[in-house]
Amino acid sequence: MKFTLLSICIIFSTQFIHAQNYISWEHEKLWIANEQNSNLILESEKMYTERWDILPQALFWKRIMKLSSDSCLVNVASTRQILQSIDSKHWYALNKTQKVNFREEMRLKHNIEKGEKIYVTSGKSDFYKFEEVYPTLSEGITVFDEMCVDPWYAQSILLIESPGQLKKSISGAYGAFQLMPGVARAQGLIVNKTMDERENFEKSATAAAKLIKNICIPEAKKILKVHKLSFSENDLWFRFLVLHIYHAGAGNVAAVLNVIKPEEGSQELIKSMWQHKAAGFGNCSQNYSQLAIASQLILHDMVYTNCDDVISYSSR
């Protein structure tokens, strides 16, 4: 199904209480349906009410995710301020010295301070195939939900790790949830020369849910306890912290927080992580939650922009 073909969408905001345990993310679920298809996603209201949507880093990656690879955006590394767009062929045809000179010209032209790095980032619409990953979101959400793991993580990981594809990363991560071989085995999957269960969506989702439930969330709580920071597991900033642990590992996240020395848990903590490096927490790690924000915003746009009629209601 091509999402752009949706003509009439009905969004059901489901909010109900389980007989035994109240699942605190139920009120975030949205059913999107037309006459032929339906899907389940998690809404992104907090992205807007808490103003994550206006952060320049999020807006930058949102644009990059929708930009063709034949174009590049010249930007300031720390703020992701976009200076200009250039043709990819032109950029990659330059030699090392020419690239250095080009960056210096940009620095002078836009009055960028000497210590600021200037990046040239190519469009990545050929990787972020949101229309193709969209139909898989409900399956991932359902698996996490059945394991009593916040399905927001399933949606976020599916949108940014390997959207709509089964590619193996340079480091060896594979599958829809991009699990490393050792991590996958530790969560009960078979990964050897003859079989790799990471390619099975349900098994990969189950392993990822176990990893988040048994390692990522508990480690996030330990790190925050060290810094005496209060939190709610439904806080967006807490969720982003857990995502960083999923991507970079608890040790590297702990290292960067030790550098930051945060006084409170908030959006400002996540933004500080984008500006600091420590141990194995580098540029790719900094970008991870920025990508998560941008992809959720794009999903929101897909749902609401392509619907001629939207009906939202809650049921108990």
C-alpha atoms as a PDB file:
ATOM      1  CA  MET A   1       0.000   0.000   0.000  1.00  0.00           C
ATOM      2  CA  LYS A   2       1.281   3.422  -0.917  1.00  0.00           C
ATOM      3  CA  PHE A   3       0.400   5.806   1.892  1.00  0.00           C
ATOM      4  CA  THR A   4      -0.122   8.614  -0.599  1.00  0.00           C
ATOM      5  CA  LEU A   5      -3.163   6.751  -1.915  1.00  0.00           C
ATOM      6  CA  LEU A   6      -5.068   7.217   1.340  1.00  0.00           C
ATOM      7  CA  SER A   7      -8.158   9.258   0.675  1.00  0.00           C
ATOM      8  CA  ILE A   8     -10.233   9.000   3.850  1.00  0.00           C
ATOM      9  CA  CYS A   9      -8.536   8.253   7.126  1.00  0.00           C
ATOM     10  CA  ILE A  10     -10.229   7.645  10.442  1.00  0.00           C
ATOM     11  CA  ILE A  11      -8.041   7.941  13.505  1.00  0.00           C
ATOM     12  CA  PHE A  12      -9.171   6.179  16.635  1.00  0.00           C
ATOM     13  CA  SER A  13      -7.386   7.216  19.808  1.00  0.00           C
ATOM     14  CA  THR A  14      -7.743   4.157  21.990  1.00  0.00           C
ATOM     15  CA  GLN A  15      -7.598   4.638  25.713  1.00  0.00           C
ATOM     16  CA  PHE A  16      -8.559   1.789  27.973  1.00  0.00           C
ATOM     17  CA  ILE A  17      -7.508   0.041  31.174  1.00  0.00           C
ATOM     18  CA  HIS A  18      -6.335  -3.556  31.231  1.00  0.00           C
ATOM     19  CA  ALA A  19      -7.940  -5.806  33.766  1.00  0.00           C
ATOM     20  CA  GLN A  20      -4.725  -6.413  35.643  1.00  0.00           C
ATOM     21  CA  ASN A  21      -2.293  -3.643  34.794  1.00  0.00           C
ATOM     22  CA  TYR A  22      -2.791  -0.187  33.414  1.00  0.00           C
ATOM     23  CA  ILE A  23      -0.575   0.221  30.366  1.00  0.00           C
ATOM     24  CA  SER A  24       0.360   3.875  30.429  1.00  0.00           C
ATOM     25  CA  TRP A  25       0.913   4.188  26.682  1.00  0.00           C
ATOM     26  CA  GLU A  26      -2.588   3.101  25.652  1.00  0.00           C
ATOM     27  CA  HIS A  27      -3.785   6.694  25.307  1.00  0.00           C
ATOM     28  CA  GLU A  28      -1.080   7.312  22.690  1.00  0.00           C
ATOM     29  CA  LYS A  29      -2.297   4.652  20.267  1.00  0.00           C
ATOM     30  CA  LEU A  30      -3.906   5.736  17.032  1.00  0.00           C
ATOM     31  CA  TRP A  31      -5.743   3.541  14.566  1.00  0.00           C
ATOM     32  CA  ILE A  32      -5.508   4.925  11.049  1.00  0.00           C
ATOM     33  CA  ALA A  33      -7.948   3.395   8.564  1.00  0.00           C
ATOM     34  CA  ASN A  34      -9.524   3.785   5.167  1.00  0.00           C
ATOM     35  CA  GLU A  35     -11.834   1.436   3.297  1.00  0.00           C
ATOM     36  CA  GLN A  36      -9.023  -0.975   2.362  1.00  0.00           C
ATOM     37  CA  ASN A  37      -6.380  -0.723   5.058  1.00  0.00           C
ATOM     38  CA  SER A  38      -5.778   0.058   8.703  1.00  0.00           C
ATOM     39  CA  ASN A  39      -2.673   0.556  10.770  1.00  0.00           C
ATOM     40  CA  LEU A  40      -1.650   1.200  14.356  1.00  0.00           C
ATOM     41  CA  ILE A  41       0.844   3.875  15.342  1.00  0.00           C
ATOM     42  CA  LEU A  42       1.742   5.934  18.401  1.00  0.00           C
ATOM     43  CA  GLU A  43       0.813   9.606  18.283  1.00  0.00           C
ATOM     44  CA  SER A  44       3.415  12.334  18.681  1.00  0.00           C
ATOM     45  CA  GLU A  45       1.479  15.030  20.547  1.00  0.00           C
ATOM     46  CA  LYS A  46       4.272  15.637  23.074  1.00  0.00           C
ATOM     47  CA  MET A  47       6.655  16.379  20.213  1.00  0.00           C
ATOM     48  CA  TYR A  48       4.571  19.482  19.588  1.00  0.00           C
ATOM     49  CA  THR A  49       3.393  20.474  23.068  1.00  0.00           C
ATOM     50  CA  GLU A  50       6.965  20.262  24.396  1.00  0.00           C
ATOM     51  CA  ARG A  51       8.282  21.962  21.229  1.00  0.00           C
ATOM     52  CA  TRP A  52      10.695  19.281  20.117  1.00  0.00           C
ATOM     53  CA  ASP A  53       9.344  19.999  16.633  1.00  0.00           C
ATOM     54  CA  ILE A  54      10.980  23.428  16.411  1.00  0.00           C
ATOM     55  CA  LEU A  55      14.494  22.356  17.408  1.00  0.00           C
ATOM     56  CA  PRO A  56      16.882  23.159  14.520  1.00  0.00           C
ATOM     57  CA  GLN A  57      18.508  19.713  14.737  1.00  0.00           C
ATOM     58  CA  ALA A  58      15.142  18.018  14.257  1.00  0.00           C
ATOM     59  CA  LEU A  59      14.212  20.302  11.369  1.00  0.00           C
ATOM     60  CA  PHE A  60      17.594  19.688   9.759  1.00  0.00           C
ATOM     61  CA  TRP A  61      17.278  15.897   9.830  1.00  0.00           C
ATOM     62  CA  LYS A  62      13.667  16.065   8.737  1.00  0.00           C
ATOM     63  CA  ARG A  63      14.827  17.899   5.639  1.00  0.00           C
ATOM     64  CA  ILE A  64      17.765  15.511   5.062  1.00  0.00           C
ATOM     65  CA  MET A  65      15.492  12.460   5.346  1.00  0.00           C
ATOM     66  CA  LYS A  66      13.268  13.839   2.586  1.00  0.00           C
ATOM     67  CA  LEU A  67      16.112  15.169   0.418  1.00  0.00           C
ATOM     68  CA  SER A  68      17.407  13.292  -2.632  1.00  0.00           C
ATOM     69  CA  SER A  69      20.991  12.022  -2.492  1.00  0.00           C
ATOM     70  CA  ASP A  70      21.905  14.239  -5.445  1.00  0.00           C
ATOM     71  CA  SER A  71      21.768  17.269  -3.128  1.00  0.00           C
ATOM     72  CA  CYS A  72      23.749  18.261  -0.029  1.00  0.00           C
ATOM     73  CA  LEU A  73      23.095  20.742   2.747  1.00  0.00           C
ATOM     74  CA  VAL A  74      25.987  22.846   4.042  1.00  0.00           C
ATOM     75  CA  ASN A  75      25.401  23.224   7.779  1.00  0.00           C
ATOM     76  CA  VAL A  76      26.955  24.248  11.090  1.00  0.00           C
ATOM     77  CA  ALA A  77      27.721  21.079  13.053  1.00  0.00           C
ATOM     78  CA  SER A  78      26.718  22.226  16.544  1.00  0.00           C
ATOM     79  CA  THR A  79      23.448  23.944  15.612  1.00  0.00           C
ATOM     80  CA  ARG A  80      22.595  22.318  12.263  1.00  0.00           C
ATOM     81  CA  GLN A  81      21.988  25.790  10.868  1.00  0.00           C
ATOM     82  CA  ILE A  82      21.641  25.330   7.111  1.00  0.00           C
ATOM     83  CA  LEU A  83      23.902  27.669   5.151  1.00  0.00           C
ATOM     84  CA  GLN A  84      23.057  26.578   1.624  1.00  0.00           C
ATOM     85  CA  SER A  85      22.247  23.646  -0.655  1.00  0.00           C
ATOM     86  CA  ILE A  86      24.736  22.337  -3.226  1.00  0.00           C
ATOM     87  CA  ASP A  87      24.829  19.626  -5.866  1.00  0.00           C
ATOM     88  CA  SER A  88      26.318  16.344  -4.617  1.00  0.00           C
ATOM     89  CA  LYS A  89      28.302  15.771  -7.814  1.00  0.00           C
ATOM     90  CA  HIS A  90      29.942  19.155  -7.407  1.00  0.00           C
ATOM     91  CA  TRP A  91      30.866  18.458  -3.777  1.00  0.00           C
ATOM     92  CA  TYR A  92      32.292  14.981  -4.338  1.00  0.00           C
ATOM     93  CA  ALA A  93      34.285  16.199  -7.348  1.00  0.00           C
ATOM     94  CA  LEU A  94      36.309  18.529  -5.099  1.00  0.00           C
ATOM     95  CA  ASN A  95      39.629  17.373  -3.706  1.00  0.00           C
ATOM     96  CA  LYS A  96      40.540  17.636  -0.021  1.00  0.00           C
ATOM     97  CA  THR A  97      42.101  21.095  -0.317  1.00  0.00           C
ATOM     98  CA  GLN A  98      39.154  22.434  -2.291  1.00  0.00           C
ATOM     99  CA  LYS A  99      36.729  21.132   0.328  1.00  0.00           C
ATOM    100  CA  VAL A 100      38.689  22.848   3.093  1.00  0.00           C
ATOM    101  CA  ASN A 101      38.663  26.099   1.119  1.00  0.00           C
ATOM    102  CA  PHE A 102      34.930  25.796   0.454  1.00  0.00           C
ATOM    103  CA  ARG A 103      34.189  25.370   4.157  1.00  0.00           C
ATOM    104  CA  GLU A 104      36.346  28.390   4.966  1.00  0.00           C
ATOM    105  CA  GLU A 105      34.457  30.448   2.383  1.00  0.00           C
ATOM    106  CA  MET A 106      31.191  29.428   4.037  1.00  0.00           C
ATOM    107  CA  ARG A 107      32.575  30.379   7.438  1.00  0.00           C
ATOM    108  CA  LEU A 108      33.525  33.857   6.272  1.00  0.00           C
ATOM    109  CA  LYS A 109      30.373  34.420   4.227  1.00  0.00           C
ATOM    110  CA  HIS A 110      28.047  33.554   7.130  1.00  0.00           C
ATOM    111  CA  ASN A 111      30.211  34.914   9.995  1.00  0.00           C
ATOM    112  CA  ILE A 112      30.633  31.482  11.605  1.00  0.00           C
ATOM    113  CA  GLU A 113      33.037  31.393  14.550  1.00  0.00           C
ATOM    114  CA  LYS A 114      36.450  29.818  13.945  1.00  0.00           C
ATOM    115  CA  GLY A 115      35.938  26.864  16.271  1.00  0.00           C
ATOM    116  CA  GLU A 116      32.665  25.773  14.675  1.00  0.00           C
ATOM    117  CA  LYS A 117      32.806  22.796  12.321  1.00  0.00           C
ATOM    118  CA  ILE A 118      31.002  23.024   9.008  1.00  0.00           C
ATOM    119  CA  TYR A 119      29.485  19.832   7.597  1.00  0.00           C
ATOM    120  CA  VAL A 120      28.241  18.976   4.129  1.00  0.00           C
ATOM    121  CA  THR A 121      25.487  16.369   4.501  1.00  0.00           C
ATOM    122  CA  SER A 122      23.917  14.555   1.557  1.00  0.00           C
ATOM    123  CA  GLY A 123      20.201  13.803   1.254  1.00  0.00           C
ATOM    124  CA  LYS A 124      19.062  10.416   2.493  1.00  0.00           C
ATOM    125  CA  SER A 125      15.602   9.898   1.040  1.00  0.00           C
ATOM    126  CA  ASP A 126      16.875   6.735  -0.666  1.00  0.00           C
ATOM    127  CA  PHE A 127      17.519   5.220   2.806  1.00  0.00           C
ATOM    128  CA  TYR A 128      14.593   6.545   4.837  1.00  0.00           C
ATOM    129  CA  LYS A 129      11.767   4.788   3.011  1.00  0.00           C
ATOM    130  CA  PHE A 130       8.919   5.793   5.296  1.00  0.00           C
ATOM    131  CA  GLU A 131       6.121   4.624   3.029  1.00  0.00           C
ATOM    132  CA  GLU A 132       7.666   1.146   2.971  1.00  0.00           C
ATOM    133  CA  VAL A 133       8.257   0.902   6.714  1.00  0.00           C
ATOM    134  CA  TYR A 134       4.835   2.331   7.559  1.00  0.00           C
ATOM    135  CA  PRO A 135       2.910  -0.983   7.175  1.00  0.00           C
ATOM    136  CA  THR A 136       5.299  -2.748   9.600  1.00  0.00           C
ATOM    137  CA  LEU A 137       4.735  -0.338  12.493  1.00  0.00           C
ATOM    138  CA  SER A 138       1.606  -2.045  13.812  1.00  0.00           C
ATOM    139  CA  GLU A 139       3.354  -5.439  13.900  1.00  0.00           C
ATOM    140  CA  GLY A 140       6.277  -4.026  15.871  1.00  0.00           C
ATOM    141  CA  ILE A 141       3.967  -2.119  18.212  1.00  0.00           C
ATOM    142  CA  THR A 142       1.897  -5.269  18.815  1.00  0.00           C
ATOM    143  CA  VAL A 143       4.931  -7.397  19.700  1.00  0.00           C
ATOM    144  CA  PHE A 144       6.228  -4.812  22.171  1.00  0.00           C
ATOM    145  CA  ASP A 145       2.749  -4.282  23.608  1.00  0.00           C
ATOM    146  CA  GLU A 146       2.252  -8.003  24.214  1.00  0.00           C
ATOM    147  CA  MET A 147       5.566  -8.068  26.101  1.00  0.00           C
ATOM    148  CA  CYS A 148       4.531  -5.043  28.195  1.00  0.00           C
ATOM    149  CA  VAL A 149       7.280  -2.917  26.686  1.00  0.00           C
ATOM    150  CA  ASP A 150       6.536   0.660  25.633  1.00  0.00           C
ATOM    151  CA  PRO A 151       5.748   0.292  21.892  1.00  0.00           C
ATOM    152  CA  TRP A 152       6.947   3.845  21.256  1.00  0.00           C
ATOM    153  CA  TYR A 153      10.426   2.294  21.116  1.00  0.00           C
ATOM    154  CA  ALA A 154       9.366  -0.171  18.422  1.00  0.00           C
ATOM    155  CA  GLN A 155       8.006   2.629  16.263  1.00  0.00           C
ATOM    156  CA  SER A 156      11.078   4.824  16.752  1.00  0.00           C
ATOM    157  CA  ILE A 157      13.577   2.072  15.985  1.00  0.00           C
ATOM    158  CA  LEU A 158      11.705   0.871  12.904  1.00  0.00           C
ATOM    159  CA  LEU A 159      11.568   4.397  11.505  1.00  0.00           C
ATOM    160  CA  ILE A 160      15.291   5.108  11.765  1.00  0.00           C
ATOM    161  CA  GLU A 161      17.369   1.917  11.943  1.00  0.00           C
ATOM    162  CA  SER A 162      16.656   0.126   8.657  1.00  0.00           C
ATOM    163  CA  PRO A 163      13.346   1.533   7.399  1.00  0.00           C
ATOM    164  CA  GLY A 164      11.638  -0.878   5.024  1.00  0.00           C
ATOM    165  CA  GLN A 165      14.890  -2.717   4.333  1.00  0.00           C
ATOM    166  CA  LEU A 166      16.939  -5.707   5.455  1.00  0.00           C
ATOM    167  CA  LYS A 167      20.466  -4.358   5.256  1.00  0.00           C
ATOM    168  CA  LYS A 168      23.510  -5.334   7.276  1.00  0.00           C
ATOM    169  CA  SER A 169      25.494  -2.430   8.692  1.00  0.00           C
ATOM    170  CA  ILE A 170      29.269  -2.113   8.515  1.00  0.00           C
ATOM    171  CA  SER A 171      29.441  -3.118  12.190  1.00  0.00           C
ATOM    172  CA  GLY A 172      27.359  -6.259  11.584  1.00  0.00           C
ATOM    173  CA  ALA A 173      23.956  -5.110  12.848  1.00  0.00           C
ATOM    174  CA  TYR A 174      21.104  -6.686  10.893  1.00  0.00           C
ATOM    175  CA  GLY A 175      17.347  -6.915  10.653  1.00  0.00           C
ATOM    176  CA  ALA A 176      14.527  -4.435  11.119  1.00  0.00           C
ATOM    177  CA  PHE A 177      15.811  -3.638  14.631  1.00  0.00           C
ATOM    178  CA  GLN A 178      19.508  -3.668  13.655  1.00  0.00           C
ATOM    179  CA  LEU A 179      20.698  -6.028  16.374  1.00  0.00           C
ATOM    180  CA  MET A 180      24.369  -6.951  16.676  1.00  0.00           C
ATOM    181  CA  PRO A 181      25.109 -10.708  16.513  1.00  0.00           C
ATOM    182  CA  GLY A 182      26.143 -11.003  20.171  1.00  0.00           C
ATOM    183  CA  VAL A 183      23.201  -8.932  21.371  1.00  0.00           C
ATOM    184  CA  ALA A 184      20.771 -11.007  19.325  1.00  0.00           C
ATOM    185  CA  ARG A 185      22.184 -14.261  20.721  1.00  0.00           C
ATOM    186  CA  ALA A 186      21.974 -12.901  24.262  1.00  0.00           C
ATOM    187  CA  GLN A 187      18.261 -12.265  23.681  1.00  0.00           C
ATOM    188  CA  GLY A 188      17.662 -15.819  22.454  1.00  0.00           C
ATOM    189  CA  LEU A 189      18.073 -15.575  18.684  1.00  0.00           C
ATOM    190  CA  ILE A 190      20.061 -18.014  16.566  1.00  0.00           C
ATOM    191  CA  VAL A 191      22.808 -16.257  14.643  1.00  0.00           C
ATOM    192  CA  ASN A 192      25.402 -18.465  12.963  1.00  0.00           C
ATOM    193  CA  LYS A 193      26.776 -19.342   9.524  1.00  0.00           C
ATOM    194  CA  THR A 194      23.656 -21.223   8.457  1.00  0.00           C
ATOM    195  CA  MET A 195      20.863 -19.295  10.197  1.00  0.00           C
ATOM    196  CA  ASP A 196      20.235 -15.700  11.182  1.00  0.00           C
ATOM    197  CA  GLU A 197      16.931 -15.192  12.978  1.00  0.00           C
ATOM    198  CA  ARG A 198      17.426 -11.432  12.916  1.00  0.00           C
ATOM    199  CA  GLU A 199      15.852 -11.478   9.451  1.00  0.00           C
ATOM    200  CA  ASN A 200      12.598 -12.737  10.993  1.00  0.00           C
ATOM    201  CA  PHE A 201      10.621  -9.627  11.899  1.00  0.00           C
ATOM    202  CA  GLU A 202       8.692 -11.059  14.859  1.00  0.00           C
ATOM    203  CA  LYS A 203      11.734 -12.736  16.407  1.00  0.00           C
ATOM    204  CA  SER A 204      13.836  -9.634  15.894  1.00  0.00           C
ATOM    205  CA  ALA A 205      11.117  -7.459  17.447  1.00  0.00           C
ATOM    206  CA  THR A 206      10.844  -9.823  20.413  1.00  0.00           C
ATOM    207  CA  ALA A 207      14.605  -9.696  20.969  1.00  0.00           C
ATOM    208  CA  ALA A 208      14.628  -5.901  20.735  1.00  0.00           C
ATOM    209  CA  ALA A 209      11.757  -5.667  23.238  1.00  0.00           C
ATOM    210  CA  LYS A 210      13.656  -7.929  25.671  1.00  0.00           C
ATOM    211  CA  LEU A 211      16.766  -5.819  25.263  1.00  0.00           C
ATOM    212  CA  ILE A 212      14.916  -2.592  26.038  1.00  0.00           C
ATOM    213  CA  LYS A 213      12.922  -4.098  28.906  1.00  0.00           C
ATOM    214  CA  ASN A 214      15.734  -5.979  30.641  1.00  0.00           C
ATOM    215  CA  ILE A 215      18.769  -3.830  29.865  1.00  0.00           C
ATOM    216  CA  CYS A 216      18.158  -0.410  28.302  1.00  0.00           C
ATOM    217  CA  ILE A 217      15.433   0.870  30.648  1.00  0.00           C
ATOM    218  CA  PRO A 218      17.032  -0.515  33.855  1.00  0.00           C
ATOM    219  CA  GLU A 219      20.408   0.944  32.822  1.00  0.00           C
ATOM    220  CA  ALA A 220      18.812   4.321  32.116  1.00  0.00           C
ATOM    221  CA  LYS A 221      17.324   4.297  35.611  1.00  0.00           C
ATOM    222  CA  LYS A 222      20.711   3.431  37.141  1.00  0.00           C
ATOM    223  CA  ILE A 223      22.421   6.279  35.298  1.00  0.00           C
ATOM    224  CA  LEU A 224      19.772   8.772  36.381  1.00  0.00           C
ATOM    225  CA  LYS A 225      19.962   7.524  39.966  1.00  0.00           C
ATOM    226  CA  VAL A 226      23.689   8.254  40.017  1.00  0.00           C
ATOM    227  CA  HIS A 227      22.933  11.862  39.077  1.00  0.00           C
ATOM    228  CA  LYS A 228      19.920  12.000  41.417  1.00  0.00           C
ATOM    229  CA  LEU A 229      17.529  12.912  38.599  1.00  0.00           C
ATOM    230  CA  SER A 230      13.798  12.281  38.814  1.00  0.00           C
ATOM    231  CA  PHE A 231      11.916  10.946  35.801  1.00  0.00           C
ATOM    232  CA  SER A 232       8.784   9.333  34.436  1.00  0.00           C
ATOM    233  CA  GLU A 233       9.082   6.494  31.945  1.00  0.00           C
ATOM    234  CA  ASN A 234       6.557   8.332  29.758  1.00  0.00           C
ATOM    235  CA  ASP A 235       8.724  11.458  29.567  1.00  0.00           C
ATOM    236  CA  LEU A 236       9.966  11.966  26.015  1.00  0.00           C
ATOM    237  CA  TRP A 237      13.432  12.895  27.221  1.00  0.00           C
ATOM    238  CA  PHE A 238      13.594   9.617  29.202  1.00  0.00           C
ATOM    239  CA  ARG A 239      12.534   7.680  26.112  1.00  0.00           C
ATOM    240  CA  PHE A 240      15.257   9.378  24.074  1.00  0.00           C
ATOM    241  CA  LEU A 241      17.810   8.516  26.755  1.00  0.00           C
ATOM    242  CA  VAL A 242      16.764   4.853  26.503  1.00  0.00           C
ATOM    243  CA  LEU A 243      17.083   5.029  22.712  1.00  0.00           C
ATOM    244  CA  HIS A 244      20.622   6.340  23.111  1.00  0.00           C
ATOM    245  CA  ILE A 245      21.430   3.346  25.311  1.00  0.00           C
ATOM    246  CA  TYR A 246      19.912   1.008  22.700  1.00  0.00           C
ATOM    247  CA  HIS A 247      22.187   2.552  20.084  1.00  0.00           C
ATOM    248  CA  ALA A 248      25.407   3.427  21.914  1.00  0.00           C
ATOM    249  CA  GLY A 249      25.354   1.190  25.005  1.00  0.00           C
ATOM    250  CA  ALA A 250      24.882   2.077  28.649  1.00  0.00           C
ATOM    251  CA  GLY A 251      28.587   2.623  29.330  1.00  0.00           C
ATOM    252  CA  ASN A 252      28.951   5.258  26.640  1.00  0.00           C
ATOM    253  CA  VAL A 253      25.748   7.044  27.668  1.00  0.00           C
ATOM    254  CA  ALA A 254      26.884   7.037  31.303  1.00  0.00           C
ATOM    255  CA  ALA A 255      30.222   8.504  30.188  1.00  0.00           C
ATOM    256  CA  VAL A 256      28.652  11.429  28.359  1.00  0.00           C
ATOM    257  CA  LEU A 257      26.332  12.202  31.281  1.00  0.00           C
ATOM    258  CA  ASN A 258      29.348  12.213  33.576  1.00  0.00           C
ATOM    259  CA  VAL A 259      30.787  14.944  31.345  1.00  0.00           C
ATOM    260  CA  ILE A 260      27.538  16.911  31.246  1.00  0.00           C
ATOM    261  CA  LYS A 261      26.822  16.561  34.982  1.00  0.00           C
ATOM    262  CA  PRO A 262      23.078  17.287  34.546  1.00  0.00           C
ATOM    263  CA  GLU A 263      21.128  18.881  37.366  1.00  0.00           C
ATOM    264  CA  GLU A 264      17.708  17.796  36.094  1.00  0.00           C
ATOM    265  CA  GLY A 265      16.151  15.431  33.604  1.00  0.00           C
ATOM    266  CA  SER A 266      14.557  17.361  30.758  1.00  0.00           C
ATOM    267  CA  GLN A 267      14.757  18.243  27.085  1.00  0.00           C
ATOM    268  CA  GLU A 268      17.861  20.254  27.967  1.00  0.00           C
ATOM    269  CA  LEU A 269      19.647  17.052  28.998  1.00  0.00           C
ATOM    270  CA  ILE A 270      19.055  15.488  25.579  1.00  0.00           C
ATOM    271  CA  LYS A 271      20.132  18.688  23.836  1.00  0.00           C
ATOM    272  CA  SER A 272      23.316  18.683  25.927  1.00  0.00           C
ATOM    273  CA  MET A 273      24.042  15.145  24.732  1.00  0.00           C
ATOM    274  CA  TRP A 274      24.030  16.508  21.188  1.00  0.00           C
ATOM    275  CA  GLN A 275      26.911  18.826  22.097  1.00  0.00           C
ATOM    276  CA  HIS A 276      29.149  16.495  24.100  1.00  0.00           C
ATOM    277  CA  LYS A 277      31.265  13.439  23.341  1.00  0.00           C
ATOM    278  CA  ALA A 278      32.746  10.839  25.685  1.00  0.00           C
ATOM    279  CA  ALA A 279      34.147   7.318  25.345  1.00  0.00           C
ATOM    280  CA  GLY A 280      32.280   5.736  22.400  1.00  0.00           C
ATOM    281  CA  PHE A 281      29.571   8.377  22.378  1.00  0.00           C
ATOM    282  CA  GLY A 282      30.458  10.336  19.244  1.00  0.00           C
ATOM    283  CA  ASN A 283      28.790  12.049  16.311  1.00  0.00           C
ATOM    284  CA  CYS A 284      26.583   9.112  15.284  1.00  0.00           C
ATOM    285  CA  SER A 285      25.414   8.726  18.875  1.00  0.00           C
ATOM    286  CA  GLN A 286      24.634  12.436  19.138  1.00  0.00           C
ATOM    287  CA  ASN A 287      22.503  12.226  16.014  1.00  0.00           C
ATOM    288  CA  TYR A 288      20.421   9.249  17.138  1.00  0.00           C
ATOM    289  CA  SER A 289      17.694  11.037  19.085  1.00  0.00           C
ATOM    290  CA  GLN A 290      17.703  13.846  16.519  1.00  0.00           C
ATOM    291  CA  LEU A 291      16.838  11.249  13.868  1.00  0.00           C
ATOM    292  CA  ALA A 292      14.151   9.813  16.147  1.00  0.00           C
ATOM    293  CA  ILE A 293      12.488  13.216  16.527  1.00  0.00           C
ATOM    294  CA  ALA A 294      12.663  13.976  12.807  1.00  0.00           C
ATOM    295  CA  SER A 295      11.217  10.606  11.791  1.00  0.00           C
ATOM    296  CA  GLN A 296       8.303  10.925  14.220  1.00  0.00           C
ATOM    297  CA  LEU A 297       7.517  14.357  12.774  1.00  0.00           C
ATOM    298  CA  ILE A 298       7.561  12.945   9.255  1.00  0.00           C
ATOM    299  CA  LEU A 299       5.252  10.112  10.321  1.00  0.00           C
ATOM    300  CA  HIS A 300       2.877  12.683  11.821  1.00  0.00           C
ATOM    301  CA  ASP A 301       2.904  14.633   8.553  1.00  0.00           C
ATOM    302  CA  MET A 302       2.249  11.466   6.544  1.00  0.00           C
ATOM    303  CA  VAL A 303      -0.803  10.618   8.630  1.00  0.00           C
ATOM    304  CA  TYR A 304      -2.411  14.043   8.817  1.00  0.00           C
ATOM    305  CA  THR A 305      -1.396  15.570   5.488  1.00  0.00           C
ATOM    306  CA  ASN A 306      -2.617  12.662   3.377  1.00  0.00           C
ATOM    307  CA  CYS A 307      -6.024  12.365   5.038  1.00  0.00           C
ATOM    308  CA  ASP A 308      -9.039  14.114   3.548  1.00  0.00           C
ATOM    309  CA  ASP A 309     -11.082  13.337   6.642  1.00  0.00           C
ATOM    310  CA  VAL A 310      -9.720  12.749  10.144  1.00  0.00           C
ATOM    311  CA  ILE A 311     -11.931  11.617  12.997  1.00  0.00           C
ATOM    312  CA  SER A 312     -10.377  11.286  16.419  1.00  0.00           C
ATOM    313  CA  TYR A 313     -12.135   9.849  19.432  1.00  0.00           C
ATOM    314  CA  SER A 314     -11.395   7.955  22.645  1.00  0.00           C
ATOM    315  CA  SER A 315     -13.083   4.824  23.962  1.00  0.00           C
ATOM    316  CA  ARG A 316     -12.869   3.090  27.302  1.00  0.00           C
END
